[in-house]
Amino acid sequence: MSSLSSSARLSPVSVVVVGAGPTGLTIANLLGRYGVSTLLVEKNPTTVQEPRAVSIDDESLRTMQAAGLIDTVLQHVVAGYGSRYLSPKGRTFLDVAPTEVIYGYPRRNAFRQPVLEQQLREGLERFPHVQTLFGWRVESFEQDDEGVTLRCSDEADRSIEVGCDYLIGCDGASSFIRTALGLSLEGMTFSEKWLIVDLENSPSPTRDTLVFCDANRPCIALPGPNLTRRFEFKLHPGESPEAIMAPASVAALLAKHGAAVDSIIKRQTVYTFHARLAQTWARGRIYLAGDACHLTPPFAGQGMNSGIRDAHNLAWKLAAVVQGRLGAGVLHSYERERRDHVDKMIELALRMGQIMGPANRLKGTLTRLVFYSLNIWPPAKAYFAQMKYKPKPRFKDGFLVPDQRRRPRDTPVGRLLPQPDITLANGQVVKLDEVLGDGFALVGLRQSATNFERLTRHDVWSRLGVQRVLLQSDSAPLGRHESICLATIPPGVFGDLDRGAKDVVLFVRPDRYVAAAFSISEADIYADAIKDLCAQTWSGDARKQPHPRRQNQLDVVSP
């Protein structure tokens, strides 16, 4: 921006994103992928240079895939690690080692935030319709029924003004956007403190996280890519940060917990953690995402990942609105779909924190005894080993059509679609999302191509620009079809839908959540219901979910 005069007005854009952390960078990349004119404003001159978040999950990697950056991101990721929970005597009482790959990637993966942010920033260079302003601070903004106007300045006292249709505040826990809207983060800030020590040149004896569950000094050791490693130590009540960060103290803690002797300290800091949510995540044309609207304790590694979930949920809806496919009412579903899951992740983190750092020796002993007993019961052992305790995102309302045939616990509606490897007609093996496209999709399971093509002729599918994908059993012969992508899948990947379901059709959103599920005989009924759902977004009344018309033709199952 060196060509700017002391004051300038930029051309309007559809969306301005404030904050270039993982959430803001992800939103900007997704909007770029969707073809939306976007401006990213960041007060710092560059992306973060110090390690912060260290764990990226399968859902976030799937979002990186949607942004077209998965191959780049995976180059610096340690994929698929577990956690070993150790007693004060070093005995493993809980071994979390997930092997299931439901969404296309391992459940737990180590990464370095500075590397990811740089990759995301460079990813924006693919899009001429995405601009960035690093080193610029938002000074003020105002909105009306037509849009939002921002005023920004930089260190050289230059100023700019830019108008947009929507403003997204991704500017972190101390968000200027949130504060200017008169919103606060409500919840708890905990009194306990933790010391973080980030190491380089620090090989680990295991690729898994080690959790030292010792009431005297809880500790977590997390290996990362490229010989990096993080240690976290809980401070004693009344212990000063200055005392524990003294070189001799840090060296003793690292040595006691197995750090390599030649490790190089890259960063050390003492932090407190929070469990907080903003009262609302939107005001008019302004939305909040990531740490700007929720703060999660670190113990489940879900703070950044929750922000990336926000990014994917919000980005496709913004694109659909500014490009005229849906009305602004669809944006009302953003907070309703995301808030409950964020709350569940906060609860999970707090429970895990109680296991990692027991309040006293008695509670620690009792906790270990419970897990020792569970380990002898295979279903319980698998529940923890496969991380089935992690709440899966599930929308009970929002941009979806309720399932009239299945119980809530059985329906795929409102759930993230599994992503298996599929085999195309030419023999190529790819991940499912690679053929779903960037927009809406209709996914048919085990039916004839003729029937599938006929049921997808309804005008609503053309208006939404859906991609049509038909998945057959892996033993079925595949022909060729001009308007349908044909592929085979292995058995069992769609859970209950695989058991006897031969004519299921799934209406899948751009963020890969299932918005409707129906059979061939119900296709026109559900197409009308989805048409109604789209119409409600134009009226702004996205809170009402249309049920399929002529319900007497459906077998309604009571929950």
Protein backbone atom coordinates (compact mmCIF):
# COMPACT_ATOMS: atom_id res chain seq x y z
CA MET A 1 0.00 0.00 0.00
CA SER A 2 3.01 2.32 -0.41
CA SER A 3 1.26 4.23 -3.20
CA LEU A 4 -1.47 5.50 -0.86
CA SER A 5 -1.64 9.19 -0.09
CA SER A 6 -2.20 10.37 3.48
CA SER A 7 -5.92 9.73 3.03
CA ALA A 8 -7.64 7.49 0.50
CA ARG A 9 -10.86 5.63 -0.16
CA LEU A 10 -10.68 2.07 -1.40
CA SER A 11 -13.17 0.54 -3.78
CA PRO A 12 -16.00 -1.23 -1.95
CA VAL A 13 -15.73 -4.97 -1.38
CA SER A 14 -18.28 -7.57 -0.43
CA VAL A 15 -16.63 -8.64 2.84
CA VAL A 16 -14.00 -7.12 5.13
CA VAL A 17 -12.31 -9.53 7.54
CA VAL A 18 -10.54 -7.93 10.52
CA GLY A 19 -7.81 -10.08 12.04
CA ALA A 20 -5.33 -12.37 10.29
CA GLY A 21 -5.12 -15.21 12.78
CA PRO A 22 -6.10 -18.74 11.72
CA THR A 23 -9.83 -17.90 11.75
CA GLY A 24 -9.60 -14.72 9.68
CA LEU A 25 -7.08 -16.19 7.25
CA THR A 26 -9.28 -19.26 6.77
CA ILE A 27 -12.39 -17.16 6.10
CA ALA A 28 -10.46 -15.04 3.60
CA ASN A 29 -9.15 -18.13 1.77
CA LEU A 30 -12.60 -19.71 1.62
CA LEU A 31 -14.17 -16.48 0.36
CA GLY A 32 -11.41 -16.28 -2.21
CA ARG A 33 -12.17 -19.82 -3.30
CA TYR A 34 -15.88 -18.94 -3.58
CA GLY A 35 -15.10 -15.87 -5.73
CA VAL A 36 -16.10 -13.19 -3.19
CA SER A 37 -14.32 -9.80 -3.21
CA THR A 38 -12.65 -9.57 0.20
CA LEU A 39 -10.34 -7.28 2.15
CA LEU A 40 -8.32 -8.66 5.09
CA VAL A 41 -7.13 -6.06 7.64
CA GLU A 42 -4.52 -6.94 10.28
CA LYS A 43 -2.98 -4.47 12.76
CA ASN A 44 0.33 -6.37 12.93
CA PRO A 45 2.81 -6.10 10.05
CA THR A 46 2.91 -9.86 9.55
CA THR A 47 1.32 -13.08 10.70
CA VAL A 48 2.16 -14.49 14.13
CA GLN A 49 5.82 -15.41 14.60
CA GLU A 50 5.57 -17.36 17.84
CA PRO A 51 4.00 -20.78 18.43
CA ARG A 52 0.57 -20.65 20.03
CA ALA A 53 -1.91 -23.37 19.05
CA VAL A 54 -0.16 -26.70 18.46
CA SER A 55 -2.95 -29.16 17.61
CA ILE A 56 -5.08 -29.23 14.46
CA ASP A 57 -7.88 -31.77 14.16
CA ASP A 58 -9.49 -33.69 11.32
CA GLU A 59 -12.33 -31.22 10.84
CA SER A 60 -9.90 -28.31 10.47
CA LEU A 61 -7.77 -30.23 8.00
CA ARG A 62 -10.94 -30.89 6.00
CA THR A 63 -11.52 -27.14 5.94
CA MET A 64 -7.96 -26.67 4.66
CA GLN A 65 -8.93 -29.13 1.92
CA ALA A 66 -11.98 -27.00 1.12
CA ALA A 67 -9.70 -23.96 0.91
CA GLY A 68 -7.50 -25.80 -1.61
CA LEU A 69 -4.45 -25.83 0.67
CA ILE A 70 -4.40 -29.31 2.19
CA ASP A 71 -1.34 -30.56 0.32
CA THR A 72 0.62 -27.49 1.40
CA VAL A 73 -0.52 -27.69 5.03
CA LEU A 74 0.21 -31.40 5.40
CA GLN A 75 3.86 -30.84 4.50
CA HIS A 76 4.45 -29.46 8.00
CA VAL A 77 2.01 -31.53 10.04
CA VAL A 78 2.71 -34.58 12.20
CA ALA A 79 -0.43 -36.56 11.42
CA GLY A 80 -2.16 -38.92 13.78
CA TYR A 81 -0.72 -38.77 17.27
CA GLY A 82 -2.22 -39.95 20.57
CA SER A 83 -1.99 -39.13 24.26
CA ARG A 84 -0.71 -41.18 27.19
CA TYR A 85 -1.94 -40.21 30.64
CA LEU A 86 0.62 -41.09 33.31
CA SER A 87 0.37 -41.55 37.06
CA PRO A 88 2.91 -39.83 39.36
CA LYS A 89 4.93 -43.07 39.17
CA GLY A 90 4.95 -43.02 35.37
CA ARG A 91 2.36 -45.77 34.80
CA THR A 92 -0.04 -45.29 31.87
CA PHE A 93 -3.65 -45.37 33.07
CA LEU A 94 -5.28 -43.99 29.89
CA ASP A 95 -4.04 -44.42 26.34
CA VAL A 96 -5.80 -42.31 23.70
CA ALA A 97 -4.73 -43.57 20.28
CA PRO A 98 -7.43 -42.84 17.69
CA THR A 99 -7.09 -44.83 14.48
CA GLU A 100 -10.51 -44.11 12.93
CA VAL A 101 -10.44 -41.74 9.98
CA ILE A 102 -14.00 -40.51 9.56
CA TYR A 103 -13.62 -37.13 7.90
CA GLY A 104 -10.64 -37.93 5.68
CA TYR A 105 -7.79 -37.16 8.08
CA PRO A 106 -6.47 -38.37 11.46
CA ARG A 107 -8.27 -36.98 14.49
CA ARG A 108 -5.23 -35.40 16.17
CA ASN A 109 -2.32 -33.74 14.40
CA ALA A 110 0.57 -31.56 15.52
CA PHE A 111 1.43 -28.35 13.68
CA ARG A 112 3.13 -24.98 14.16
CA GLN A 113 0.87 -21.96 14.07
CA PRO A 114 3.43 -19.58 12.49
CA VAL A 115 3.87 -22.03 9.62
CA LEU A 116 0.13 -22.49 9.10
CA GLU A 117 -0.58 -18.77 9.16
CA GLN A 118 2.17 -18.11 6.61
CA GLN A 119 0.75 -20.83 4.38
CA LEU A 120 -2.72 -19.32 4.64
CA ARG A 121 -1.40 -15.85 3.91
CA GLU A 122 0.45 -17.06 0.84
CA GLY A 123 -2.70 -18.90 -0.21
CA LEU A 124 -4.47 -15.56 -0.62
CA GLU A 125 -2.11 -14.70 -3.45
CA ARG A 126 -4.13 -17.09 -5.63
CA PHE A 127 -7.08 -14.70 -5.66
CA PRO A 128 -6.93 -11.30 -7.40
CA HIS A 129 -10.26 -10.41 -5.74
CA VAL A 130 -8.76 -10.75 -2.22
CA GLN A 131 -6.69 -7.83 -0.89
CA THR A 132 -4.71 -7.62 2.35
CA LEU A 133 -3.73 -4.71 4.58
CA PHE A 134 -1.11 -5.79 7.11
CA GLY A 135 0.02 -3.12 9.55
CA TRP A 136 -3.34 -1.33 9.44
CA ARG A 137 -5.65 -0.82 12.40
CA VAL A 138 -9.42 -0.31 12.33
CA GLU A 139 -10.08 3.03 14.03
CA SER A 140 -13.86 3.13 13.65
CA PHE A 141 -16.77 1.70 11.71
CA GLU A 142 -20.44 2.35 11.20
CA GLN A 143 -23.21 0.39 9.57
CA ASP A 144 -26.65 0.98 8.10
CA ASP A 145 -29.16 -1.07 6.14
CA GLU A 146 -26.97 -0.91 3.04
CA GLY A 147 -23.56 -1.88 4.42
CA VAL A 148 -20.62 -1.09 6.68
CA THR A 149 -17.99 1.64 6.37
CA LEU A 150 -14.59 1.28 8.07
CA ARG A 151 -11.81 3.76 8.69
CA CYS A 152 -8.29 2.41 9.14
CA SER A 153 -4.86 3.89 9.76
CA ASP A 154 -1.26 2.70 9.76
CA GLU A 155 1.96 3.62 11.58
CA ALA A 156 2.75 6.32 8.98
CA ASP A 157 -0.49 8.15 9.85
CA ARG A 158 -2.06 7.31 6.53
CA SER A 159 -5.77 6.59 6.61
CA ILE A 160 -8.19 4.79 4.36
CA GLU A 161 -11.93 4.37 4.19
CA VAL A 162 -13.59 1.31 2.69
CA GLY A 163 -17.18 0.17 2.37
CA CYS A 164 -18.40 -3.42 2.42
CA ASP A 165 -21.58 -5.45 2.59
CA TYR A 166 -20.46 -7.40 5.66
CA LEU A 167 -17.76 -7.04 8.32
CA ILE A 168 -16.31 -10.07 10.13
CA GLY A 169 -14.44 -9.51 13.40
CA CYS A 170 -11.76 -12.19 13.85
CA ASP A 171 -9.52 -9.98 15.92
CA GLY A 172 -9.04 -12.20 18.94
CA ALA A 173 -9.91 -12.17 22.62
CA SER A 174 -9.40 -8.42 22.98
CA SER A 175 -11.44 -7.79 19.83
CA PHE A 176 -11.87 -4.11 18.95
CA ILE A 177 -14.86 -5.01 16.78
CA ARG A 178 -16.65 -6.80 19.64
CA THR A 179 -15.89 -4.04 22.13
CA ALA A 180 -17.09 -1.32 19.75
CA LEU A 181 -20.34 -3.23 19.36
CA GLY A 182 -20.84 -3.05 23.12
CA LEU A 183 -20.40 -6.81 23.60
CA SER A 184 -18.31 -8.65 26.16
CA LEU A 185 -17.14 -12.20 26.78
CA GLU A 186 -19.17 -13.72 29.60
CA GLY A 187 -18.05 -16.69 31.64
CA MET A 188 -15.05 -17.58 33.78
CA THR A 189 -11.37 -16.71 33.97
CA PHE A 190 -9.55 -19.24 36.14
CA SER A 191 -7.07 -18.33 38.86
CA GLU A 192 -4.66 -21.18 38.14
CA LYS A 193 -1.67 -20.39 35.96
CA TRP A 194 0.38 -22.52 33.58
CA LEU A 195 3.90 -22.09 32.25
CA ILE A 196 4.39 -22.78 28.54
CA VAL A 197 7.87 -23.63 27.27
CA ASP A 198 8.28 -24.09 23.50
CA LEU A 199 11.41 -25.93 22.40
CA GLU A 200 13.29 -26.43 19.16
CA ASN A 201 15.91 -29.10 18.40
CA SER A 202 14.09 -31.26 20.94
CA PRO A 203 13.55 -34.85 19.80
CA SER A 204 10.90 -36.75 21.73
CA PRO A 205 11.04 -40.40 22.80
CA THR A 206 7.45 -40.76 21.55
CA ARG A 207 5.27 -39.15 18.92
CA ASP A 208 2.40 -39.04 21.44
CA THR A 209 1.52 -36.38 23.97
CA LEU A 210 2.55 -37.28 27.49
CA VAL A 211 0.26 -36.06 30.26
CA PHE A 212 1.86 -36.20 33.71
CA CYS A 213 -1.21 -36.28 35.99
CA ASP A 214 0.57 -35.41 39.20
CA ALA A 215 -1.24 -33.23 41.72
CA ASN A 216 2.15 -31.91 42.87
CA ARG A 217 2.97 -30.50 39.41
CA PRO A 218 0.73 -31.41 36.45
CA CYS A 219 2.63 -31.30 33.16
CA ILE A 220 1.85 -31.82 29.49
CA ALA A 221 4.53 -32.60 26.89
CA LEU A 222 3.48 -32.28 23.24
CA PRO A 223 5.84 -33.22 20.38
CA GLY A 224 5.53 -31.20 17.19
CA PRO A 225 6.92 -31.19 13.65
CA ASN A 226 10.58 -30.60 12.84
CA LEU A 227 11.92 -31.55 16.29
CA THR A 228 9.77 -29.01 18.10
CA ARG A 229 8.19 -29.77 21.46
CA ARG A 230 5.98 -27.95 23.96
CA PHE A 231 5.90 -28.39 27.74
CA GLU A 232 3.18 -26.96 29.97
CA PHE A 233 3.54 -26.89 33.78
CA LYS A 234 0.89 -25.89 36.30
CA LEU A 235 1.99 -23.32 38.85
CA HIS A 236 1.38 -23.87 42.55
CA PRO A 237 -1.03 -21.49 44.28
CA GLY A 238 0.90 -18.36 45.18
CA GLU A 239 3.92 -19.31 43.01
CA SER A 240 5.11 -16.29 41.07
CA PRO A 241 5.64 -16.37 37.29
CA GLU A 242 9.06 -14.78 37.77
CA ALA A 243 10.20 -17.61 40.06
CA ILE A 244 9.07 -20.46 37.82
CA MET A 245 10.49 -18.80 34.67
CA ALA A 246 13.95 -18.42 36.21
CA PRO A 247 16.46 -20.33 34.04
CA ALA A 248 17.37 -22.81 36.78
CA SER A 249 13.72 -23.55 37.51
CA VAL A 250 12.83 -24.10 33.85
CA ALA A 251 15.87 -26.30 33.31
CA ALA A 252 14.96 -28.48 36.29
CA LEU A 253 11.35 -28.89 35.16
CA LEU A 254 12.39 -29.84 31.63
CA ALA A 255 14.99 -32.32 32.80
CA LYS A 256 12.55 -34.00 35.21
CA HIS A 257 10.00 -34.55 32.41
CA GLY A 258 12.34 -35.87 29.75
CA ALA A 259 13.24 -32.94 27.52
CA ALA A 260 16.30 -33.51 25.33
CA VAL A 261 19.42 -31.96 26.85
CA ASP A 262 20.28 -29.91 23.74
CA SER A 263 16.80 -28.38 23.44
CA ILE A 264 16.61 -24.70 22.55
CA ILE A 265 14.00 -22.58 24.29
CA LYS A 266 12.07 -20.65 21.65
CA ARG A 267 9.43 -19.14 23.90
CA GLN A 268 8.26 -19.26 27.49
CA THR A 269 5.28 -17.53 29.04
CA VAL A 270 2.78 -17.89 31.88
CA TYR A 271 -0.90 -17.81 31.04
CA THR A 272 -4.31 -18.17 32.62
CA PHE A 273 -7.20 -19.75 30.75
CA HIS A 274 -10.79 -18.76 30.11
CA ALA A 275 -14.18 -20.28 29.41
CA ARG A 276 -16.17 -17.44 27.90
CA LEU A 277 -18.79 -16.70 25.25
CA ALA A 278 -20.06 -13.43 23.82
CA GLN A 279 -23.75 -12.70 24.46
CA THR A 280 -24.36 -12.66 20.72
CA TRP A 281 -22.08 -13.15 17.73
CA ALA A 282 -23.73 -10.66 15.39
CA ARG A 283 -25.06 -7.14 15.24
CA GLY A 284 -26.67 -6.14 11.95
CA ARG A 285 -24.16 -6.71 9.17
CA ILE A 286 -21.27 -7.38 11.54
CA TYR A 287 -20.32 -10.89 12.70
CA LEU A 288 -17.75 -12.26 15.14
CA ALA A 289 -15.76 -15.46 14.80
CA GLY A 290 -13.06 -17.36 16.68
CA ASP A 291 -11.61 -15.94 19.89
CA ALA A 292 -13.52 -12.71 19.30
CA CYS A 293 -16.71 -14.50 20.40
CA HIS A 294 -15.55 -17.54 22.40
CA LEU A 295 -12.58 -18.60 24.50
CA THR A 296 -11.94 -22.27 25.29
CA PRO A 297 -9.59 -23.76 27.90
CA PRO A 298 -6.57 -25.34 26.19
CA PHE A 299 -6.82 -28.88 27.53
CA ALA A 300 -8.75 -30.35 24.58
CA GLY A 301 -6.77 -28.44 21.94
CA GLN A 302 -9.98 -27.02 20.48
CA GLY A 303 -9.61 -23.24 20.70
CA MET A 304 -8.22 -22.65 17.22
CA ASN A 305 -10.17 -25.57 15.77
CA SER A 306 -13.43 -24.04 17.01
CA GLY A 307 -12.53 -20.83 15.20
CA ILE A 308 -11.88 -22.71 11.96
CA ARG A 309 -15.31 -24.35 12.30
CA ASP A 310 -16.76 -20.85 12.59
CA ALA A 311 -14.88 -19.84 9.46
CA HIS A 312 -16.27 -22.61 7.28
CA ASN A 313 -19.82 -22.18 8.58
CA LEU A 314 -19.84 -18.44 7.99
CA ALA A 315 -17.85 -18.22 4.76
CA TRP A 316 -20.17 -20.29 2.55
CA LYS A 317 -23.21 -18.44 3.84
CA LEU A 318 -21.64 -15.05 3.15
CA ALA A 319 -20.74 -16.20 -0.36
CA ALA A 320 -24.28 -17.47 -1.00
CA VAL A 321 -25.73 -14.14 0.15
CA VAL A 322 -23.45 -11.72 -1.69
CA GLN A 323 -23.71 -13.78 -4.87
CA GLY A 324 -27.50 -13.83 -4.70
CA ARG A 325 -28.13 -17.56 -4.28
CA LEU A 326 -29.63 -17.16 -0.81
CA GLY A 327 -31.03 -14.27 1.19
CA ALA A 328 -29.41 -12.68 4.21
CA GLY A 329 -31.69 -14.71 6.48
CA VAL A 330 -29.32 -17.67 6.15
CA LEU A 331 -26.77 -15.74 8.20
CA HIS A 332 -29.08 -15.96 11.21
CA SER A 333 -28.28 -19.67 11.36
CA TYR A 334 -24.55 -19.10 11.95
CA GLU A 335 -24.59 -18.58 15.71
CA ARG A 336 -27.47 -21.01 16.28
CA GLU A 337 -25.53 -23.79 14.56
CA ARG A 338 -22.17 -23.06 16.14
CA ARG A 339 -22.86 -21.85 19.69
CA ASP A 340 -24.02 -25.16 21.18
CA HIS A 341 -20.99 -27.05 19.88
CA VAL A 342 -18.58 -24.41 21.18
CA ASP A 343 -20.23 -24.73 24.58
CA LYS A 344 -19.77 -28.52 24.49
CA MET A 345 -16.10 -28.10 23.59
CA ILE A 346 -15.62 -25.80 26.58
CA GLU A 347 -17.21 -28.45 28.82
CA LEU A 348 -14.94 -31.14 27.33
CA ALA A 349 -11.84 -29.02 27.93
CA LEU A 350 -12.81 -28.42 31.55
CA ARG A 351 -13.35 -32.15 32.16
CA MET A 352 -10.01 -32.99 30.58
CA GLY A 353 -8.35 -30.33 32.69
CA GLN A 354 -9.62 -32.06 35.83
CA ILE A 355 -8.00 -35.31 34.69
CA MET A 356 -4.72 -33.66 33.68
CA GLY A 357 -4.43 -31.57 36.82
CA PRO A 358 -6.20 -33.25 39.76
CA ALA A 359 -6.95 -30.89 42.62
CA ASN A 360 -5.26 -33.20 45.14
CA ARG A 361 -3.71 -36.66 45.48
CA LEU A 362 -6.96 -38.32 46.51
CA LYS A 363 -8.85 -37.08 43.46
CA GLY A 364 -5.96 -38.12 41.26
CA THR A 365 -5.92 -41.62 42.74
CA LEU A 366 -9.68 -42.03 42.37
CA THR A 367 -9.57 -40.82 38.76
CA ARG A 368 -6.86 -43.33 37.89
CA LEU A 369 -8.74 -46.17 39.56
CA VAL A 370 -11.80 -45.38 37.43
CA PHE A 371 -9.77 -45.53 34.23
CA TYR A 372 -7.92 -48.68 35.25
CA SER A 373 -11.30 -50.37 35.77
CA LEU A 374 -12.67 -49.10 32.44
CA ASN A 375 -9.68 -50.47 30.58
CA ILE A 376 -10.86 -54.03 31.21
CA TRP A 377 -14.17 -53.36 29.43
CA PRO A 378 -13.50 -53.24 25.65
CA PRO A 379 -16.34 -50.83 24.72
CA ALA A 380 -15.22 -48.35 27.39
CA LYS A 381 -11.60 -48.71 26.40
CA ALA A 382 -12.47 -48.06 22.73
CA TYR A 383 -14.61 -45.08 23.74
CA PHE A 384 -11.56 -43.31 25.11
CA ALA A 385 -8.91 -44.76 22.80
CA GLN A 386 -10.81 -43.65 19.68
CA MET A 387 -11.72 -40.22 21.14
CA LYS A 388 -15.42 -40.96 20.92
CA TYR A 389 -15.83 -38.69 23.93
CA LYS A 390 -15.13 -35.68 21.71
CA PRO A 391 -18.52 -34.12 20.86
CA LYS A 392 -19.22 -34.28 17.16
CA PRO A 393 -20.77 -31.15 15.73
CA ARG A 394 -24.52 -31.60 15.38
CA PHE A 395 -27.04 -28.98 14.28
CA LYS A 396 -30.51 -29.37 15.72
CA ASP A 397 -31.80 -26.40 13.77
CA GLY A 398 -30.47 -23.97 11.21
CA PHE A 399 -30.16 -24.32 7.45
CA LEU A 400 -31.61 -27.83 7.25
CA VAL A 401 -34.84 -29.75 6.71
CA PRO A 402 -35.76 -32.04 9.62
CA ASP A 403 -35.67 -35.77 8.94
CA GLN A 404 -39.20 -37.18 9.14
CA ARG A 405 -38.22 -40.83 8.86
CA ARG A 406 -35.38 -41.39 11.33
CA ARG A 407 -34.96 -40.75 15.02
CA PRO A 408 -32.76 -37.75 15.88
CA ARG A 409 -29.97 -40.06 17.09
CA ASP A 410 -29.99 -41.95 13.76
CA THR A 411 -30.41 -39.21 11.17
CA PRO A 412 -27.46 -37.81 9.23
CA VAL A 413 -29.24 -34.44 8.99
CA GLY A 414 -27.32 -31.74 10.81
CA ARG A 415 -24.18 -33.88 10.95
CA LEU A 416 -20.86 -33.60 9.16
CA LEU A 417 -20.76 -35.99 6.21
CA PRO A 418 -18.07 -38.69 6.47
CA GLN A 419 -15.33 -38.39 3.86
CA PRO A 420 -14.18 -41.79 2.61
CA ASP A 421 -11.79 -42.47 -0.22
CA ILE A 422 -13.86 -43.19 -3.34
CA THR A 423 -12.97 -44.86 -6.63
CA LEU A 424 -13.98 -43.05 -9.81
CA ALA A 425 -15.03 -44.71 -13.05
CA ASN A 426 -11.48 -44.29 -14.43
CA GLY A 427 -10.04 -46.15 -11.43
CA GLN A 428 -8.66 -43.03 -9.73
CA VAL A 429 -8.97 -42.99 -5.92
CA VAL A 430 -9.76 -39.61 -4.38
CA LYS A 431 -11.33 -38.22 -1.24
CA LEU A 432 -15.07 -37.63 -1.50
CA ASP A 433 -14.90 -33.85 -1.13
CA GLU A 434 -12.78 -33.61 -4.26
CA VAL A 435 -15.84 -34.44 -6.36
CA LEU A 436 -18.43 -32.55 -4.29
CA GLY A 437 -17.21 -29.18 -5.55
CA ASP A 438 -17.25 -25.87 -3.67
CA GLY A 439 -21.02 -25.52 -3.48
CA PHE A 440 -24.07 -27.63 -2.69
CA ALA A 441 -24.16 -31.30 -3.65
CA LEU A 442 -26.64 -34.14 -3.94
CA VAL A 443 -25.11 -37.45 -2.92
CA GLY A 444 -27.00 -40.60 -3.87
CA LEU A 445 -26.30 -43.94 -2.20
CA ARG A 446 -26.68 -47.21 -4.10
CA GLN A 447 -29.33 -46.51 -6.71
CA SER A 448 -29.56 -46.48 -10.47
CA ALA A 449 -28.09 -43.55 -12.34
CA THR A 450 -31.34 -43.21 -14.27
CA ASN A 451 -33.45 -42.82 -11.13
CA PHE A 452 -30.92 -40.48 -9.55
CA GLU A 453 -30.77 -38.25 -12.61
CA ARG A 454 -34.55 -38.11 -12.85
CA LEU A 455 -35.12 -37.16 -9.20
CA THR A 456 -32.56 -34.36 -9.36
CA ARG A 457 -34.31 -32.46 -12.16
CA HIS A 458 -36.29 -30.25 -9.77
CA ASP A 459 -35.66 -26.55 -10.48
CA VAL A 460 -34.32 -25.87 -6.96
CA TRP A 461 -31.26 -28.01 -7.66
CA SER A 462 -30.44 -26.00 -10.76
CA ARG A 463 -30.92 -22.73 -8.91
CA LEU A 464 -28.51 -23.87 -6.21
CA GLY A 465 -26.02 -25.22 -8.75
CA VAL A 466 -25.73 -28.59 -7.03
CA GLN A 467 -23.07 -31.12 -7.95
CA ARG A 468 -24.54 -34.61 -8.44
CA VAL A 469 -22.55 -37.54 -7.07
CA LEU A 470 -23.77 -41.15 -7.09
CA LEU A 471 -21.95 -43.64 -4.85
CA GLN A 472 -22.29 -47.36 -5.48
CA SER A 473 -21.05 -50.45 -3.66
CA ASP A 474 -17.43 -51.22 -4.42
CA SER A 475 -18.45 -54.31 -6.39
CA ALA A 476 -20.90 -52.45 -8.65
CA PRO A 477 -19.94 -51.79 -12.29
CA LEU A 478 -19.70 -48.11 -13.16
CA GLY A 479 -20.83 -46.68 -16.45
CA ARG A 480 -20.53 -43.09 -17.58
CA HIS A 481 -23.00 -40.26 -17.23
CA GLU A 482 -22.74 -36.70 -18.48
CA SER A 483 -24.31 -34.89 -15.50
CA ILE A 484 -23.47 -37.28 -12.64
CA CYS A 485 -20.16 -38.17 -11.02
CA LEU A 486 -20.17 -41.94 -10.51
CA ALA A 487 -17.95 -43.63 -7.93
CA THR A 488 -17.77 -46.63 -5.61
CA ILE A 489 -17.27 -46.68 -1.85
CA PRO A 490 -16.24 -49.37 0.63
CA PRO A 491 -18.99 -50.75 2.89
CA GLY A 492 -19.77 -49.26 6.27
CA VAL A 493 -18.49 -45.72 5.80
CA PHE A 494 -21.91 -44.12 6.21
CA GLY A 495 -22.87 -45.94 9.40
CA ASP A 496 -26.58 -46.63 9.79
CA LEU A 497 -27.26 -45.48 6.23
CA ASP A 498 -25.22 -48.41 4.95
CA ARG A 499 -27.49 -50.96 6.55
CA GLY A 500 -30.11 -51.74 3.96
CA ALA A 501 -30.28 -48.24 2.48
CA LYS A 502 -30.38 -48.45 -1.30
CA ASP A 503 -32.07 -45.25 -2.33
CA VAL A 504 -30.93 -42.57 0.13
CA VAL A 505 -30.18 -39.10 -1.21
CA LEU A 506 -28.26 -36.57 0.90
CA PHE A 507 -28.45 -32.82 0.29
CA VAL A 508 -25.00 -31.61 1.37
CA ARG A 509 -24.04 -28.01 2.14
CA PRO A 510 -20.75 -26.40 1.04
CA ASP A 511 -19.36 -26.96 4.56
CA ARG A 512 -20.12 -30.71 4.13
CA TYR A 513 -22.98 -30.84 6.63
CA VAL A 514 -26.05 -32.80 5.59
CA ALA A 515 -29.02 -30.44 5.21
CA ALA A 516 -31.58 -33.09 4.21
CA ALA A 517 -31.88 -36.86 3.72
CA PHE A 518 -34.64 -38.53 1.75
CA SER A 519 -35.52 -41.49 -0.45
CA ILE A 520 -36.34 -41.53 -4.15
CA SER A 521 -40.06 -41.61 -3.44
CA GLU A 522 -39.73 -38.48 -1.30
CA ALA A 523 -37.53 -36.52 -3.70
CA ASP A 524 -40.11 -33.99 -4.91
CA ILE A 525 -41.49 -33.46 -1.41
CA TYR A 526 -38.07 -32.64 -0.01
CA ALA A 527 -37.11 -30.54 -3.02
CA ASP A 528 -40.16 -28.37 -2.30
CA ALA A 529 -39.17 -28.18 1.37
CA ILE A 530 -35.64 -27.08 0.45
CA LYS A 531 -37.10 -24.53 -1.94
CA ASP A 532 -39.17 -23.21 0.99
CA LEU A 533 -36.04 -23.14 3.17
CA CYS A 534 -34.23 -21.05 0.56
CA ALA A 535 -37.23 -18.75 0.26
CA GLN A 536 -37.23 -18.17 4.01
CA THR A 537 -33.66 -16.91 3.86
CA TRP A 538 -34.85 -14.20 1.48
CA SER A 539 -37.56 -13.16 3.91
CA GLY A 540 -35.03 -13.20 6.74
CA ASP A 541 -37.01 -15.80 8.71
CA ALA A 542 -34.39 -18.56 8.71
CA ARG A 543 -35.37 -19.59 12.23
CA LYS A 544 -38.36 -21.57 10.98
CA GLN A 545 -37.48 -24.91 9.47
CA PRO A 546 -39.89 -26.12 6.80
CA HIS A 547 -41.07 -29.67 7.14
CA PRO A 548 -41.67 -31.62 3.95
CA ARG A 549 -45.10 -31.00 2.55
CA ARG A 550 -47.71 -33.75 2.41
CA GLN A 551 -46.30 -35.33 5.57
CA ASN A 552 -49.04 -37.94 5.44
CA GLN A 553 -46.99 -39.59 2.71
CA LEU A 554 -44.07 -40.05 5.12
CA ASP A 555 -43.58 -42.49 7.93
CA VAL A 556 -42.96 -40.17 10.86
CA VAL A 557 -40.88 -41.77 13.61
CA SER A 558 -41.27 -40.36 17.10
CA PRO A 559 -38.01 -39.60 18.92
